[in-house]
N, C-alpha and C. Protein backbone atom coordinates (compact mmCIF):
# COMPACT_ATOMS: atom_id res chain seq x y z
N MET A 1 3.15 -20.00 -6.86
CA MET A 1 2.94 -19.37 -8.15
C MET A 1 2.61 -17.89 -7.94
N THR A 2 3.27 -17.04 -8.70
CA THR A 2 3.05 -15.61 -8.56
C THR A 2 2.08 -15.11 -9.61
N THR A 3 1.32 -14.12 -9.22
CA THR A 3 0.41 -13.47 -10.13
C THR A 3 1.01 -12.12 -10.48
N LEU A 4 0.98 -11.77 -11.74
CA LEU A 4 1.54 -10.49 -12.13
C LEU A 4 0.64 -9.36 -11.66
N VAL A 5 1.23 -8.39 -11.00
CA VAL A 5 0.51 -7.22 -10.52
C VAL A 5 0.82 -6.09 -11.49
N SER A 6 -0.22 -5.52 -12.08
CA SER A 6 -0.01 -4.46 -13.07
C SER A 6 0.24 -3.12 -12.38
N PRO A 7 0.91 -2.21 -13.08
CA PRO A 7 1.12 -0.87 -12.53
C PRO A 7 -0.21 -0.17 -12.20
N THR A 8 -1.24 -0.46 -12.97
CA THR A 8 -2.56 0.11 -12.72
C THR A 8 -3.10 -0.36 -11.37
N GLN A 9 -2.90 -1.63 -11.06
CA GLN A 9 -3.35 -2.17 -9.78
C GLN A 9 -2.59 -1.52 -8.62
N VAL A 10 -1.30 -1.31 -8.82
CA VAL A 10 -0.48 -0.68 -7.78
C VAL A 10 -0.95 0.75 -7.54
N LEU A 11 -1.21 1.48 -8.61
CA LEU A 11 -1.69 2.86 -8.48
C LEU A 11 -3.06 2.90 -7.80
N GLN A 12 -3.91 1.96 -8.15
CA GLN A 12 -5.23 1.88 -7.53
C GLN A 12 -5.10 1.59 -6.02
N LEU A 13 -4.19 0.71 -5.66
CA LEU A 13 -3.95 0.41 -4.24
C LEU A 13 -3.43 1.65 -3.52
N TYR A 14 -2.49 2.36 -4.13
CA TYR A 14 -1.95 3.58 -3.54
C TYR A 14 -3.06 4.59 -3.27
N ARG A 15 -3.90 4.81 -4.26
CA ARG A 15 -5.00 5.76 -4.11
C ARG A 15 -5.97 5.32 -3.02
N SER A 16 -6.24 4.03 -2.96
CA SER A 16 -7.15 3.51 -1.92
C SER A 16 -6.57 3.71 -0.53
N LEU A 17 -5.27 3.46 -0.39
CA LEU A 17 -4.62 3.65 0.91
C LEU A 17 -4.63 5.12 1.32
N ILE A 18 -4.41 6.01 0.37
CA ILE A 18 -4.44 7.45 0.66
C ILE A 18 -5.85 7.87 1.06
N ARG A 19 -6.85 7.41 0.31
CA ARG A 19 -8.24 7.74 0.65
C ARG A 19 -8.60 7.23 2.05
N TYR A 20 -8.19 6.02 2.34
CA TYR A 20 -8.45 5.44 3.66
C TYR A 20 -7.79 6.30 4.75
N GLY A 21 -6.59 6.73 4.50
CA GLY A 21 -5.86 7.54 5.47
C GLY A 21 -6.50 8.88 5.75
N GLN A 22 -7.18 9.43 4.77
CA GLN A 22 -7.83 10.73 4.96
C GLN A 22 -9.06 10.62 5.84
N ASN A 23 -9.56 9.40 6.04
CA ASN A 23 -10.76 9.20 6.86
C ASN A 23 -10.45 8.63 8.24
N LEU A 24 -9.19 8.50 8.58
CA LEU A 24 -8.83 7.97 9.90
C LEU A 24 -9.26 8.93 11.00
N GLN A 25 -9.68 8.35 12.12
CA GLN A 25 -10.13 9.20 13.22
C GLN A 25 -9.27 9.02 14.47
N LEU A 26 -8.90 7.81 14.80
CA LEU A 26 -8.17 7.57 16.05
C LEU A 26 -6.67 7.38 15.83
N THR A 27 -6.21 7.67 14.64
CA THR A 27 -4.79 7.51 14.31
C THR A 27 -4.29 8.83 13.73
N ASP A 28 -3.03 9.10 13.91
CA ASP A 28 -2.42 10.31 13.35
C ASP A 28 -2.42 10.21 11.83
N LYS A 29 -3.25 11.01 11.18
CA LYS A 29 -3.40 10.96 9.72
C LYS A 29 -2.09 11.27 9.00
N GLN A 30 -1.39 12.29 9.47
CA GLN A 30 -0.16 12.69 8.81
C GLN A 30 0.89 11.59 8.87
N TYR A 31 0.99 10.94 10.01
CA TYR A 31 1.93 9.83 10.16
C TYR A 31 1.57 8.70 9.19
N TYR A 32 0.31 8.33 9.16
CA TYR A 32 -0.15 7.25 8.27
C TYR A 32 0.15 7.59 6.81
N LEU A 33 -0.23 8.79 6.38
CA LEU A 33 -0.02 9.18 4.99
C LEU A 33 1.46 9.22 4.64
N ARG A 34 2.28 9.73 5.57
CA ARG A 34 3.73 9.77 5.34
C ARG A 34 4.29 8.36 5.18
N ARG A 35 3.85 7.42 6.04
CA ARG A 35 4.33 6.03 5.97
C ARG A 35 3.93 5.37 4.65
N VAL A 36 2.71 5.61 4.20
CA VAL A 36 2.27 5.03 2.92
C VAL A 36 3.14 5.57 1.80
N ARG A 37 3.34 6.87 1.77
CA ARG A 37 4.15 7.47 0.71
C ARG A 37 5.59 6.97 0.75
N GLU A 38 6.15 6.87 1.96
CA GLU A 38 7.52 6.37 2.10
C GLU A 38 7.65 4.93 1.61
N GLU A 39 6.69 4.09 1.95
CA GLU A 39 6.73 2.69 1.52
C GLU A 39 6.68 2.59 0.00
N PHE A 40 5.80 3.36 -0.62
CA PHE A 40 5.70 3.30 -2.08
C PHE A 40 6.96 3.85 -2.74
N ARG A 41 7.51 4.91 -2.20
CA ARG A 41 8.76 5.45 -2.77
C ARG A 41 9.91 4.47 -2.61
N ALA A 42 9.99 3.83 -1.45
CA ALA A 42 11.08 2.89 -1.18
C ALA A 42 11.01 1.67 -2.08
N ASN A 43 9.82 1.32 -2.53
CA ASN A 43 9.64 0.10 -3.32
C ASN A 43 9.31 0.37 -4.78
N LYS A 44 9.46 1.60 -5.23
CA LYS A 44 9.08 1.94 -6.60
C LYS A 44 9.94 1.25 -7.66
N ASP A 45 11.15 0.86 -7.30
CA ASP A 45 12.05 0.25 -8.27
C ASP A 45 12.12 -1.27 -8.17
N LEU A 46 11.20 -1.88 -7.45
CA LEU A 46 11.19 -3.34 -7.33
C LEU A 46 11.01 -3.97 -8.70
N GLN A 47 11.77 -5.02 -8.96
CA GLN A 47 11.70 -5.71 -10.24
C GLN A 47 11.21 -7.15 -10.10
N ALA A 48 11.51 -7.77 -8.99
CA ALA A 48 11.16 -9.18 -8.79
C ALA A 48 9.65 -9.33 -8.60
N PRO A 49 9.00 -10.11 -9.46
CA PRO A 49 7.55 -10.29 -9.37
C PRO A 49 7.09 -10.78 -8.00
N GLU A 50 7.91 -11.63 -7.35
CA GLU A 50 7.53 -12.17 -6.04
C GLU A 50 7.47 -11.05 -5.00
N LYS A 51 8.45 -10.16 -5.05
CA LYS A 51 8.50 -9.06 -4.07
C LYS A 51 7.38 -8.06 -4.34
N ILE A 52 7.12 -7.80 -5.61
CA ILE A 52 6.03 -6.88 -5.97
C ILE A 52 4.71 -7.44 -5.47
N GLU A 53 4.49 -8.72 -5.70
CA GLU A 53 3.25 -9.35 -5.25
C GLU A 53 3.14 -9.33 -3.73
N PHE A 54 4.25 -9.59 -3.03
CA PHE A 54 4.25 -9.58 -1.57
C PHE A 54 3.86 -8.20 -1.04
N MET A 55 4.47 -7.16 -1.58
CA MET A 55 4.18 -5.81 -1.12
C MET A 55 2.74 -5.40 -1.46
N PHE A 56 2.27 -5.83 -2.62
CA PHE A 56 0.89 -5.54 -3.03
C PHE A 56 -0.10 -6.19 -2.06
N LYS A 57 0.15 -7.45 -1.73
CA LYS A 57 -0.73 -8.15 -0.79
C LYS A 57 -0.67 -7.53 0.60
N LYS A 58 0.50 -7.05 0.97
CA LYS A 58 0.66 -6.37 2.27
C LYS A 58 -0.24 -5.13 2.32
N GLY A 59 -0.24 -4.37 1.25
CA GLY A 59 -1.10 -3.18 1.19
C GLY A 59 -2.57 -3.52 1.18
N GLN A 60 -2.92 -4.57 0.44
CA GLN A 60 -4.32 -5.00 0.40
C GLN A 60 -4.79 -5.46 1.77
N SER A 61 -3.94 -6.19 2.47
CA SER A 61 -4.34 -6.70 3.78
C SER A 61 -4.52 -5.55 4.77
N LEU A 62 -3.72 -4.50 4.64
CA LEU A 62 -3.89 -3.34 5.50
C LEU A 62 -5.28 -2.73 5.29
N LEU A 63 -5.70 -2.63 4.04
CA LEU A 63 -7.02 -2.08 3.75
C LEU A 63 -8.13 -2.99 4.26
N GLN A 64 -7.96 -4.28 4.12
CA GLN A 64 -9.00 -5.22 4.54
C GLN A 64 -9.14 -5.27 6.05
N ARG A 65 -8.02 -5.28 6.75
CA ARG A 65 -8.06 -5.38 8.21
C ARG A 65 -8.37 -4.06 8.88
N LYS A 66 -8.12 -2.96 8.17
CA LYS A 66 -8.30 -1.61 8.73
C LYS A 66 -7.43 -1.39 9.96
N ARG A 67 -6.23 -1.99 9.92
CA ARG A 67 -5.28 -1.83 11.03
C ARG A 67 -3.91 -1.52 10.46
N LEU A 68 -3.15 -0.74 11.18
CA LEU A 68 -1.82 -0.34 10.71
C LEU A 68 -0.76 -1.38 10.99
N ILE A 69 -0.95 -2.21 12.00
CA ILE A 69 0.08 -3.17 12.38
C ILE A 69 -0.11 -4.46 11.63
């Protein structure tokens, strides 16, 4: 069962990922920020709720684990 992810939640996740990236110490900040922006741009036109939810959870897990891989 899929949960609908609102555009507000996606924007909040984006901002959180950017904020997290600005505080990185042992990772190349510019690379991280570029990758986050590229991922969001590449997926901005997603329509399928399942894919949107998958990508949203992927971003959330990155924040929770504090790891890029």
